């Protein structure tokens, strides 16, 4: 029996301890409690008592889910096992997003490929409705053979994309210094979907989805949100900076020397596209966040 369960039987349980217990229990991650299946009908399934979620794509439809909660800053972790075999034409998207024409968004998108060819991990950041900040990577492992952890750290200073706790991308808050809008005021939900995008996903749309391989399935487990929950116009972090977090280091997390070395390793060995190096795309000059090492 956990300390929270023991304490619930005591008549003088403090409200602060109760809040901490509830947040700790929620952070353990249960798909029934934390997510709603939003489309795809039976193609999306929650299994194993809420510990596993699967999304399926067939020729009729894909499927998707979203978090019940909205978040304004935090660390989000999800373990995902991607579509195996010939996944060309498919996209598995996992991202944070607000709503509306000036929405904010933080994207992981996994672009499928022919058997034996690597997935492309596509990342992007939207702020106030503007994106076009793509960086793409090949992974240093086969993401279809086992579950791997994909994480977003989002604090007031920066956004860090991590794979198995290795940083692959950092988007710094340069709003005050360079006038680049930064996601900081719009609460976002977690979304994920598996869908057919064979008009662009694999080799620019040259390779189409092979429907004889359907259904295609991606699997999710071990969701964790150490994050500020937004509800009724307020953040759970407003009154208590630590807010009962299991781990609050994300609130000012950056990269130390070892982290910067790992980031360089990924970007030198596995990056396949960087908008900050695409001079043809930006003939009038690169975006301001690309100058120097700001984009790292």
C-alpha atoms as a PDB file:
ATOM      1  CA  UNK A   1       0.000   0.000   0.000  1.00  0.00           C
ATOM      2  CA  UNK A   2       1.358   3.432  -0.957  1.00  0.00           C
ATOM      3  CA  UNK A   3       1.940   6.280   1.496  1.00  0.00           C
ATOM      4  CA  UNK A   4      -0.908   8.140  -0.200  1.00  0.00           C
ATOM      5  CA  UNK A   5      -3.290   5.237   0.373  1.00  0.00           C
ATOM      6  CA  UNK A   6      -2.234   5.024   4.016  1.00  0.00           C
ATOM      7  CA  UNK A   7      -2.723   8.730   4.486  1.00  0.00           C
ATOM      8  CA  UNK A   8      -6.209   8.764   2.991  1.00  0.00           C
ATOM      9  CA  UNK A   9      -7.415   6.832   6.050  1.00  0.00           C
ATOM     10  CA  UNK A  10      -6.163   9.503   8.427  1.00  0.00           C
ATOM     11  CA  UNK A  11      -8.734  12.104   9.485  1.00  0.00           C
ATOM     12  CA  UNK A  12      -6.303  15.033   9.426  1.00  0.00           C
ATOM     13  CA  UNK A  13      -4.939  14.732   5.893  1.00  0.00           C
ATOM     14  CA  UNK A  14      -3.655  18.131   4.821  1.00  0.00           C
ATOM     15  CA  UNK A  15      -5.012  19.595   1.615  1.00  0.00           C
ATOM     16  CA  UNK A  16      -1.487  20.176   0.322  1.00  0.00           C
ATOM     17  CA  UNK A  17      -0.526  16.532   0.846  1.00  0.00           C
ATOM     18  CA  UNK A  18      -3.783  15.444  -0.768  1.00  0.00           C
ATOM     19  CA  UNK A  19      -3.014  17.554  -3.820  1.00  0.00           C
ATOM     20  CA  UNK A  20       0.510  16.124  -4.034  1.00  0.00           C
ATOM     21  CA  UNK A  21      -0.801  12.565  -3.793  1.00  0.00           C
ATOM     22  CA  UNK A  22      -3.407  13.106  -6.465  1.00  0.00           C
ATOM     23  CA  UNK A  23      -0.858  14.619  -8.833  1.00  0.00           C
ATOM     24  CA  UNK A  24       1.632  11.842  -8.158  1.00  0.00           C
ATOM     25  CA  UNK A  25      -0.998   9.209  -8.817  1.00  0.00           C
ATOM     26  CA  UNK A  26      -2.046  10.939 -12.020  1.00  0.00           C
ATOM     27  CA  UNK A  27       1.534  11.188 -13.214  1.00  0.00           C
ATOM     28  CA  UNK A  28       1.808   7.399 -13.254  1.00  0.00           C
ATOM     29  CA  UNK A  29      -0.224   7.507 -16.481  1.00  0.00           C
ATOM     30  CA  UNK A  30      -3.428   5.654 -17.222  1.00  0.00           C
ATOM     31  CA  UNK A  31      -4.840   6.059 -20.702  1.00  0.00           C
ATOM     32  CA  UNK A  32      -8.438   5.709 -19.516  1.00  0.00           C
ATOM     33  CA  UNK A  33      -7.936   8.558 -17.040  1.00  0.00           C
ATOM     34  CA  UNK A  34      -5.661  10.794 -19.081  1.00  0.00           C
ATOM     35  CA  UNK A  35      -6.852  10.562 -22.698  1.00  0.00           C
ATOM     36  CA  UNK A  36      -9.914  10.526 -24.933  1.00  0.00           C
ATOM     37  CA  UNK A  37     -10.019   8.623 -28.204  1.00  0.00           C
ATOM     38  CA  UNK A  38     -11.123  11.286 -30.664  1.00  0.00           C
ATOM     39  CA  UNK A  39     -11.481   9.494 -33.979  1.00  0.00           C
ATOM     40  CA  UNK A  40     -11.096   6.150 -35.688  1.00  0.00           C
ATOM     41  CA  UNK A  41     -13.718   4.209 -33.703  1.00  0.00           C
ATOM     42  CA  UNK A  42     -12.470   0.670 -32.985  1.00  0.00           C
ATOM     43  CA  UNK A  43      -9.107   1.435 -34.623  1.00  0.00           C
ATOM     44  CA  UNK A  44      -7.961   3.061 -31.386  1.00  0.00           C
ATOM     45  CA  UNK A  45      -7.940   0.786 -28.342  1.00  0.00           C
ATOM     46  CA  UNK A  46      -6.975   1.122 -24.691  1.00  0.00           C
ATOM     47  CA  UNK A  47      -5.721  -2.197 -23.313  1.00  0.00           C
ATOM     48  CA  UNK A  48      -4.156  -3.811 -20.246  1.00  0.00           C
ATOM     49  CA  UNK A  49      -6.241  -1.894 -17.754  1.00  0.00           C
ATOM     50  CA  UNK A  50      -5.271   1.459 -19.240  1.00  0.00           C
ATOM     51  CA  UNK A  51      -1.532   0.790 -19.450  1.00  0.00           C
ATOM     52  CA  UNK A  52      -1.351   0.384 -23.250  1.00  0.00           C
ATOM     53  CA  UNK A  53      -2.938   2.275 -26.143  1.00  0.00           C
ATOM     54  CA  UNK A  54      -2.803   1.260 -29.803  1.00  0.00           C
ATOM     55  CA  UNK A  55      -3.661   3.255 -32.914  1.00  0.00           C
ATOM     56  CA  UNK A  56      -4.431   1.509 -36.198  1.00  0.00           C
ATOM     57  CA  UNK A  57      -4.635   2.679 -39.794  1.00  0.00           C
ATOM     58  CA  UNK A  58      -6.462   0.806 -42.553  1.00  0.00           C
ATOM     59  CA  UNK A  59      -7.614   1.909 -45.992  1.00  0.00           C
ATOM     60  CA  UNK A  60     -10.823   3.364 -44.573  1.00  0.00           C
ATOM     61  CA  UNK A  61      -9.430   5.466 -41.741  1.00  0.00           C
ATOM     62  CA  UNK A  62      -6.682   6.197 -39.292  1.00  0.00           C
ATOM     63  CA  UNK A  63      -7.201   6.961 -35.599  1.00  0.00           C
ATOM     64  CA  UNK A  64      -6.183   9.360 -32.878  1.00  0.00           C
ATOM     65  CA  UNK A  65      -6.443  10.496 -29.267  1.00  0.00           C
ATOM     66  CA  UNK A  66      -5.905  13.597 -27.152  1.00  0.00           C
ATOM     67  CA  UNK A  67      -5.291  14.382 -23.513  1.00  0.00           C
ATOM     68  CA  UNK A  68      -8.158  15.290 -21.228  1.00  0.00           C
ATOM     69  CA  UNK A  69      -5.975  17.970 -19.618  1.00  0.00           C
ATOM     70  CA  UNK A  70      -4.421  21.098 -21.039  1.00  0.00           C
ATOM     71  CA  UNK A  71      -0.899  22.047 -19.984  1.00  0.00           C
ATOM     72  CA  UNK A  72       1.021  25.316 -19.811  1.00  0.00           C
ATOM     73  CA  UNK A  73       4.689  24.300 -19.428  1.00  0.00           C
ATOM     74  CA  UNK A  74       5.980  20.950 -18.262  1.00  0.00           C
ATOM     75  CA  UNK A  75       7.750  17.764 -19.236  1.00  0.00           C
ATOM     76  CA  UNK A  76       5.795  15.203 -21.266  1.00  0.00           C
ATOM     77  CA  UNK A  77       7.115  11.661 -21.768  1.00  0.00           C
ATOM     78  CA  UNK A  78       5.599   8.917 -23.908  1.00  0.00           C
ATOM     79  CA  UNK A  79       6.953   5.540 -24.911  1.00  0.00           C
ATOM     80  CA  UNK A  80       6.040   4.658 -28.498  1.00  0.00           C
ATOM     81  CA  UNK A  81       6.649   1.637 -30.728  1.00  0.00           C
ATOM     82  CA  UNK A  82       6.154   2.636 -34.342  1.00  0.00           C
ATOM     83  CA  UNK A  83       4.562   0.836 -37.283  1.00  0.00           C
ATOM     84  CA  UNK A  84       6.814  -2.024 -38.354  1.00  0.00           C
ATOM     85  CA  UNK A  85       7.590  -3.412 -41.800  1.00  0.00           C
ATOM     86  CA  UNK A  86       6.676  -1.396 -44.875  1.00  0.00           C
ATOM     87  CA  UNK A  87       5.336   1.786 -43.271  1.00  0.00           C
ATOM     88  CA  UNK A  88       5.771   3.987 -46.358  1.00  0.00           C
ATOM     89  CA  UNK A  89       3.068   6.635 -46.667  1.00  0.00           C
ATOM     90  CA  UNK A  90       2.082   6.522 -42.993  1.00  0.00           C
ATOM     91  CA  UNK A  91       2.616   9.248 -40.408  1.00  0.00           C
ATOM     92  CA  UNK A  92       2.533   8.784 -36.652  1.00  0.00           C
ATOM     93  CA  UNK A  93       2.127  12.233 -35.089  1.00  0.00           C
ATOM     94  CA  UNK A  94       2.708  13.013 -31.399  1.00  0.00           C
ATOM     95  CA  UNK A  95       2.510  16.654 -30.414  1.00  0.00           C
ATOM     96  CA  UNK A  96       1.315  19.434 -28.145  1.00  0.00           C
ATOM     97  CA  UNK A  97      -1.089  21.972 -29.617  1.00  0.00           C
ATOM     98  CA  UNK A  98      -3.482  24.758 -28.732  1.00  0.00           C
ATOM     99  CA  UNK A  99      -6.377  25.722 -31.013  1.00  0.00           C
ATOM    100  CA  UNK A 100      -7.177  28.543 -33.405  1.00  0.00           C
ATOM    101  CA  UNK A 101      -5.465  30.417 -36.259  1.00  0.00           C
ATOM    102  CA  UNK A 102      -2.722  31.739 -33.964  1.00  0.00           C
ATOM    103  CA  UNK A 103      -2.156  28.411 -32.242  1.00  0.00           C
ATOM    104  CA  UNK A 104       1.073  27.151 -30.680  1.00  0.00           C
ATOM    105  CA  UNK A 105       2.348  23.653 -31.428  1.00  0.00           C
ATOM    106  CA  UNK A 106       5.340  21.425 -30.614  1.00  0.00           C
ATOM    107  CA  UNK A 107       5.632  18.487 -33.014  1.00  0.00           C
ATOM    108  CA  UNK A 108       7.092  15.040 -33.286  1.00  0.00           C
ATOM    109  CA  UNK A 109       6.044  13.357 -36.556  1.00  0.00           C
ATOM    110  CA  UNK A 110       7.376   9.964 -37.610  1.00  0.00           C
ATOM    111  CA  UNK A 111       7.362   9.523 -41.387  1.00  0.00           C
ATOM    112  CA  UNK A 112       7.219   5.897 -42.460  1.00  0.00           C
ATOM    113  CA  UNK A 113       9.394   4.277 -45.092  1.00  0.00           C
ATOM    114  CA  UNK A 114       9.950   1.102 -47.081  1.00  0.00           C
ATOM    115  CA  UNK A 115      11.106  -1.950 -45.144  1.00  0.00           C
ATOM    116  CA  UNK A 116      14.763  -1.627 -44.261  1.00  0.00           C
ATOM    117  CA  UNK A 117      14.890   2.136 -44.817  1.00  0.00           C
ATOM    118  CA  UNK A 118      14.944   4.435 -41.782  1.00  0.00           C
ATOM    119  CA  UNK A 119      12.047   6.401 -40.402  1.00  0.00           C
ATOM    120  CA  UNK A 120      12.340  10.180 -40.649  1.00  0.00           C
ATOM    121  CA  UNK A 121      11.635  12.000 -37.393  1.00  0.00           C
ATOM    122  CA  UNK A 122      10.166  15.386 -38.330  1.00  0.00           C
ATOM    123  CA  UNK A 123      10.104  18.139 -35.679  1.00  0.00           C
ATOM    124  CA  UNK A 124       8.530  21.589 -35.806  1.00  0.00           C
ATOM    125  CA  UNK A 125       7.598  24.476 -33.517  1.00  0.00           C
ATOM    126  CA  UNK A 126       4.642  26.787 -34.147  1.00  0.00           C
ATOM    127  CA  UNK A 127       4.232  30.043 -32.256  1.00  0.00           C
ATOM    128  CA  UNK A 128       1.279  32.376 -32.807  1.00  0.00           C
ATOM    129  CA  UNK A 129       0.276  30.336 -35.845  1.00  0.00           C
ATOM    130  CA  UNK A 130       3.676  30.436 -37.562  1.00  0.00           C
ATOM    131  CA  UNK A 131       5.642  27.242 -38.111  1.00  0.00           C
ATOM    132  CA  UNK A 132       8.087  26.483 -40.932  1.00  0.00           C
ATOM    133  CA  UNK A 133      10.782  25.563 -38.397  1.00  0.00           C
ATOM    134  CA  UNK A 134      11.401  21.988 -39.502  1.00  0.00           C
ATOM    135  CA  UNK A 135      14.302  19.859 -38.429  1.00  0.00           C
ATOM    136  CA  UNK A 136      14.409  16.202 -39.480  1.00  0.00           C
ATOM    137  CA  UNK A 137      16.435  13.279 -38.226  1.00  0.00           C
ATOM    138  CA  UNK A 138      17.075   9.615 -38.810  1.00  0.00           C
ATOM    139  CA  UNK A 139      17.190   7.663 -35.565  1.00  0.00           C
ATOM    140  CA  UNK A 140      20.179   5.654 -34.362  1.00  0.00           C
ATOM    141  CA  UNK A 141      17.994   2.603 -33.649  1.00  0.00           C
ATOM    142  CA  UNK A 142      15.031   0.783 -35.181  1.00  0.00           C
ATOM    143  CA  UNK A 143      11.970   2.451 -33.585  1.00  0.00           C
ATOM    144  CA  UNK A 144       9.716  -0.459 -34.570  1.00  0.00           C
ATOM    145  CA  UNK A 145      11.474  -3.205 -32.595  1.00  0.00           C
ATOM    146  CA  UNK A 146      10.868  -1.886 -29.081  1.00  0.00           C
ATOM    147  CA  UNK A 147       9.375   1.022 -27.169  1.00  0.00           C
ATOM    148  CA  UNK A 148      11.444   4.211 -26.971  1.00  0.00           C
ATOM    149  CA  UNK A 149      10.771   7.349 -24.963  1.00  0.00           C
ATOM    150  CA  UNK A 150       9.988  10.606 -26.765  1.00  0.00           C
ATOM    151  CA  UNK A 151       9.929  13.673 -24.523  1.00  0.00           C
ATOM    152  CA  UNK A 152       9.138  17.370 -24.695  1.00  0.00           C
ATOM    153  CA  UNK A 153      10.521  19.731 -22.072  1.00  0.00           C
ATOM    154  CA  UNK A 154       8.717  23.071 -22.303  1.00  0.00           C
ATOM    155  CA  UNK A 155       9.624  25.824 -19.892  1.00  0.00           C
ATOM    156  CA  UNK A 156       9.754  29.615 -20.070  1.00  0.00           C
ATOM    157  CA  UNK A 157      13.322  29.608 -21.373  1.00  0.00           C
ATOM    158  CA  UNK A 158      13.277  26.903 -24.058  1.00  0.00           C
ATOM    159  CA  UNK A 159      11.753  23.808 -25.634  1.00  0.00           C
ATOM    160  CA  UNK A 160      13.871  20.643 -25.684  1.00  0.00           C
ATOM    161  CA  UNK A 161      13.055  17.596 -27.817  1.00  0.00           C
ATOM    162  CA  UNK A 162      14.504  14.373 -26.397  1.00  0.00           C
ATOM    163  CA  UNK A 163      14.692  10.759 -27.585  1.00  0.00           C
ATOM    164  CA  UNK A 164      15.509   8.265 -24.835  1.00  0.00           C
ATOM    165  CA  UNK A 165      16.560  11.315 -22.792  1.00  0.00           C
ATOM    166  CA  UNK A 166      19.084  12.381 -25.452  1.00  0.00           C
ATOM    167  CA  UNK A 167      18.466  15.939 -26.662  1.00  0.00           C
ATOM    168  CA  UNK A 168      17.996  16.207 -30.417  1.00  0.00           C
ATOM    169  CA  UNK A 169      16.749  19.788 -30.697  1.00  0.00           C
ATOM    170  CA  UNK A 170      16.467  22.973 -28.636  1.00  0.00           C
ATOM    171  CA  UNK A 171      14.242  25.950 -29.479  1.00  0.00           C
ATOM    172  CA  UNK A 172      15.192  28.859 -27.256  1.00  0.00           C
ATOM    173  CA  UNK A 173      12.954  31.698 -26.117  1.00  0.00           C
ATOM    174  CA  UNK A 174      14.304  34.641 -28.106  1.00  0.00           C
ATOM    175  CA  UNK A 175      11.162  36.734 -27.909  1.00  0.00           C
ATOM    176  CA  UNK A 176      12.696  39.616 -25.995  1.00  0.00           C
ATOM    177  CA  UNK A 177      16.147  39.504 -27.633  1.00  0.00           C
ATOM    178  CA  UNK A 178      15.276  38.758 -31.278  1.00  0.00           C
ATOM    179  CA  UNK A 179      11.505  39.271 -31.545  1.00  0.00           C
ATOM    180  CA  UNK A 180      10.793  35.593 -32.266  1.00  0.00           C
ATOM    181  CA  UNK A 181       7.405  34.584 -30.779  1.00  0.00           C
ATOM    182  CA  UNK A 182       7.654  31.789 -28.210  1.00  0.00           C
ATOM    183  CA  UNK A 183       4.852  29.498 -26.962  1.00  0.00           C
ATOM    184  CA  UNK A 184       4.211  30.850 -23.483  1.00  0.00           C
ATOM    185  CA  UNK A 185       0.572  31.803 -22.979  1.00  0.00           C
ATOM    186  CA  UNK A 186      -1.636  29.236 -24.747  1.00  0.00           C
ATOM    187  CA  UNK A 187      -2.375  25.998 -22.878  1.00  0.00           C
ATOM    188  CA  UNK A 188      -1.901  22.931 -25.060  1.00  0.00           C
ATOM    189  CA  UNK A 189      -3.258  19.405 -25.131  1.00  0.00           C
ATOM    190  CA  UNK A 190      -1.316  16.300 -26.105  1.00  0.00           C
ATOM    191  CA  UNK A 191      -2.430  14.767 -29.380  1.00  0.00           C
ATOM    192  CA  UNK A 192      -1.427  11.692 -31.300  1.00  0.00           C
ATOM    193  CA  UNK A 193      -2.665  10.165 -34.531  1.00  0.00           C
ATOM    194  CA  UNK A 194      -1.801   7.557 -37.135  1.00  0.00           C
ATOM    195  CA  UNK A 195      -2.874   8.508 -40.640  1.00  0.00           C
ATOM    196  CA  UNK A 196      -2.226   8.126 -44.342  1.00  0.00           C
ATOM    197  CA  UNK A 197      -0.122  10.894 -45.882  1.00  0.00           C
ATOM    198  CA  UNK A 198       1.259   9.163 -48.941  1.00  0.00           C
ATOM    199  CA  UNK A 199       0.927  12.376 -50.972  1.00  0.00           C
ATOM    200  CA  UNK A 200       4.020  13.730 -49.163  1.00  0.00           C
ATOM    201  CA  UNK A 201       5.308  11.577 -46.292  1.00  0.00           C
ATOM    202  CA  UNK A 202       7.750   9.224 -48.027  1.00  0.00           C
ATOM    203  CA  UNK A 203      10.226  10.611 -50.544  1.00  0.00           C
ATOM    204  CA  UNK A 204       7.979  13.593 -51.176  1.00  0.00           C
ATOM    205  CA  UNK A 205       5.019  11.397 -52.098  1.00  0.00           C
ATOM    206  CA  UNK A 206       6.819   9.224 -54.647  1.00  0.00           C
ATOM    207  CA  UNK A 207       6.306   6.089 -52.526  1.00  0.00           C
ATOM    208  CA  UNK A 208       2.677   5.266 -51.825  1.00  0.00           C
ATOM    209  CA  UNK A 209       1.083   3.299 -49.010  1.00  0.00           C
ATOM    210  CA  UNK A 210       0.963  -0.439 -49.687  1.00  0.00           C
ATOM    211  CA  UNK A 211      -2.497  -1.318 -48.411  1.00  0.00           C
ATOM    212  CA  UNK A 212      -1.783  -5.042 -48.704  1.00  0.00           C
ATOM    213  CA  UNK A 213       0.320  -4.511 -45.531  1.00  0.00           C
ATOM    214  CA  UNK A 214      -2.604  -2.991 -43.591  1.00  0.00           C
ATOM    215  CA  UNK A 215      -3.625  -2.696 -40.852  1.00  0.00           C
ATOM    216  CA  UNK A 216      -0.730  -0.580 -39.575  1.00  0.00           C
ATOM    217  CA  UNK A 217      -0.372  -0.241 -35.804  1.00  0.00           C
ATOM    218  CA  UNK A 218       1.541   2.056 -33.429  1.00  0.00           C
ATOM    219  CA  UNK A 219       1.625   1.370 -29.676  1.00  0.00           C
ATOM    220  CA  UNK A 220       1.929   3.683 -26.660  1.00  0.00           C
ATOM    221  CA  UNK A 221       2.711   3.141 -22.987  1.00  0.00           C
ATOM    222  CA  UNK A 222       4.222   4.766 -19.880  1.00  0.00           C
ATOM    223  CA  UNK A 223       2.805   8.247 -20.398  1.00  0.00           C
ATOM    224  CA  UNK A 224       3.992  10.744 -17.817  1.00  0.00           C
ATOM    225  CA  UNK A 225       3.226  14.433 -17.409  1.00  0.00           C
ATOM    226  CA  UNK A 226       5.221  16.467 -14.920  1.00  0.00           C
ATOM    227  CA  UNK A 227       3.440  19.602 -15.982  1.00  0.00           C
ATOM    228  CA  UNK A 228       1.322  22.587 -15.016  1.00  0.00           C
ATOM    229  CA  UNK A 229      -2.314  21.658 -15.626  1.00  0.00           C
ATOM    230  CA  UNK A 230      -4.512  24.464 -16.938  1.00  0.00           C
ATOM    231  CA  UNK A 231      -8.085  24.462 -15.663  1.00  0.00           C
ATOM    232  CA  UNK A 232     -10.768  27.164 -15.279  1.00  0.00           C
ATOM    233  CA  UNK A 233      -8.354  29.840 -16.429  1.00  0.00           C
ATOM    234  CA  UNK A 234      -5.662  28.976 -13.888  1.00  0.00           C
ATOM    235  CA  UNK A 235      -2.458  26.971 -13.799  1.00  0.00           C
ATOM    236  CA  UNK A 236      -1.854  24.371 -11.107  1.00  0.00           C
ATOM    237  CA  UNK A 237       1.581  25.985 -10.733  1.00  0.00           C
ATOM    238  CA  UNK A 238       0.253  29.458  -9.887  1.00  0.00           C
ATOM    239  CA  UNK A 239      -0.117  28.877  -6.160  1.00  0.00           C
ATOM    240  CA  UNK A 240       2.656  26.334  -5.653  1.00  0.00           C
ATOM    241  CA  UNK A 241       5.753  26.474  -7.820  1.00  0.00           C
ATOM    242  CA  UNK A 242       6.646  22.815  -7.238  1.00  0.00           C
ATOM    243  CA  UNK A 243       2.958  21.791  -7.490  1.00  0.00           C
ATOM    244  CA  UNK A 244       3.600  18.321  -6.110  1.00  0.00           C
ATOM    245  CA  UNK A 245       5.760  17.313  -9.064  1.00  0.00           C
ATOM    246  CA  UNK A 246       7.529  14.006  -8.985  1.00  0.00           C
ATOM    247  CA  UNK A 247      10.428  15.841 -10.639  1.00  0.00           C
ATOM    248  CA  UNK A 248      10.414  19.630 -11.081  1.00  0.00           C
ATOM    249  CA  UNK A 249      13.830  19.969 -12.731  1.00  0.00           C
ATOM    250  CA  UNK A 250      12.138  20.683 -16.077  1.00  0.00           C
ATOM    251  CA  UNK A 251      11.131  24.157 -14.853  1.00  0.00           C
ATOM    252  CA  UNK A 252      14.571  25.626 -15.567  1.00  0.00           C
ATOM    253  CA  UNK A 253      16.091  22.730 -17.501  1.00  0.00           C
ATOM    254  CA  UNK A 254      18.743  23.510 -20.092  1.00  0.00           C
ATOM    255  CA  UNK A 255      21.723  21.608 -21.445  1.00  0.00           C
ATOM    256  CA  UNK A 256      24.939  21.106 -19.530  1.00  0.00           C
ATOM    257  CA  UNK A 257      28.238  20.369 -21.303  1.00  0.00           C
ATOM    258  CA  UNK A 258      27.394  16.663 -21.644  1.00  0.00           C
ATOM    259  CA  UNK A 259      23.953  17.506 -23.004  1.00  0.00           C
ATOM    260  CA  UNK A 260      25.414  19.912 -25.562  1.00  0.00           C
ATOM    261  CA  UNK A 261      27.843  17.216 -26.672  1.00  0.00           C
ATOM    262  CA  UNK A 262      25.004  14.713 -27.130  1.00  0.00           C
ATOM    263  CA  UNK A 263      23.018  17.312 -29.074  1.00  0.00           C
ATOM    264  CA  UNK A 264      25.973  17.953 -31.398  1.00  0.00           C
ATOM    265  CA  UNK A 265      26.434  14.200 -31.893  1.00  0.00           C
ATOM    266  CA  UNK A 266      22.795  13.795 -32.956  1.00  0.00           C
ATOM    267  CA  UNK A 267      22.780  16.854 -35.187  1.00  0.00           C
ATOM    268  CA  UNK A 268      26.084  16.001 -36.866  1.00  0.00           C
ATOM    269  CA  UNK A 269      25.372  12.287 -37.374  1.00  0.00           C
ATOM    270  CA  UNK A 270      21.606  12.001 -37.791  1.00  0.00           C
ATOM    271  CA  UNK A 271      20.113  15.334 -38.881  1.00  0.00           C
ATOM    272  CA  UNK A 272      18.888  15.131 -42.485  1.00  0.00           C
ATOM    273  CA  UNK A 273      17.189  18.529 -42.808  1.00  0.00           C
ATOM    274  CA  UNK A 274      17.564  21.841 -40.981  1.00  0.00           C
ATOM    275  CA  UNK A 275      15.544  24.873 -41.991  1.00  0.00           C
ATOM    276  CA  UNK A 276      18.304  27.044 -40.549  1.00  0.00           C
ATOM    277  CA  UNK A 277      20.667  25.768 -43.249  1.00  0.00           C
ATOM    278  CA  UNK A 278      18.224  26.049 -46.169  1.00  0.00           C
ATOM    279  CA  UNK A 279      19.461  29.187 -47.912  1.00  0.00           C
ATOM    280  CA  UNK A 280      17.412  28.470 -51.049  1.00  0.00           C
ATOM    281  CA  UNK A 281      14.234  28.470 -49.020  1.00  0.00           C
ATOM    282  CA  UNK A 282      15.032  31.804 -47.389  1.00  0.00           C
ATOM    283  CA  UNK A 283      16.675  33.927 -50.121  1.00  0.00           C
ATOM    284  CA  UNK A 284      15.947  37.098 -48.169  1.00  0.00           C
ATOM    285  CA  UNK A 285      17.850  35.781 -45.172  1.00  0.00           C
ATOM    286  CA  UNK A 286      17.481  33.036 -42.571  1.00  0.00           C
ATOM    287  CA  UNK A 287      14.958  33.449 -39.728  1.00  0.00           C
ATOM    288  CA  UNK A 288      16.397  35.429 -36.801  1.00  0.00           C
ATOM    289  CA  UNK A 289      16.520  32.417 -34.462  1.00  0.00           C
ATOM    290  CA  UNK A 290      18.942  30.732 -36.866  1.00  0.00           C
ATOM    291  CA  UNK A 291      21.784  33.182 -36.394  1.00  0.00           C
ATOM    292  CA  UNK A 292      24.901  31.792 -34.753  1.00  0.00           C
ATOM    293  CA  UNK A 293      24.108  28.824 -32.522  1.00  0.00           C
ATOM    294  CA  UNK A 294      20.696  30.087 -31.426  1.00  0.00           C
ATOM    295  CA  UNK A 295      18.827  27.272 -33.174  1.00  0.00           C
ATOM    296  CA  UNK A 296      20.672  24.481 -31.363  1.00  0.00           C
END
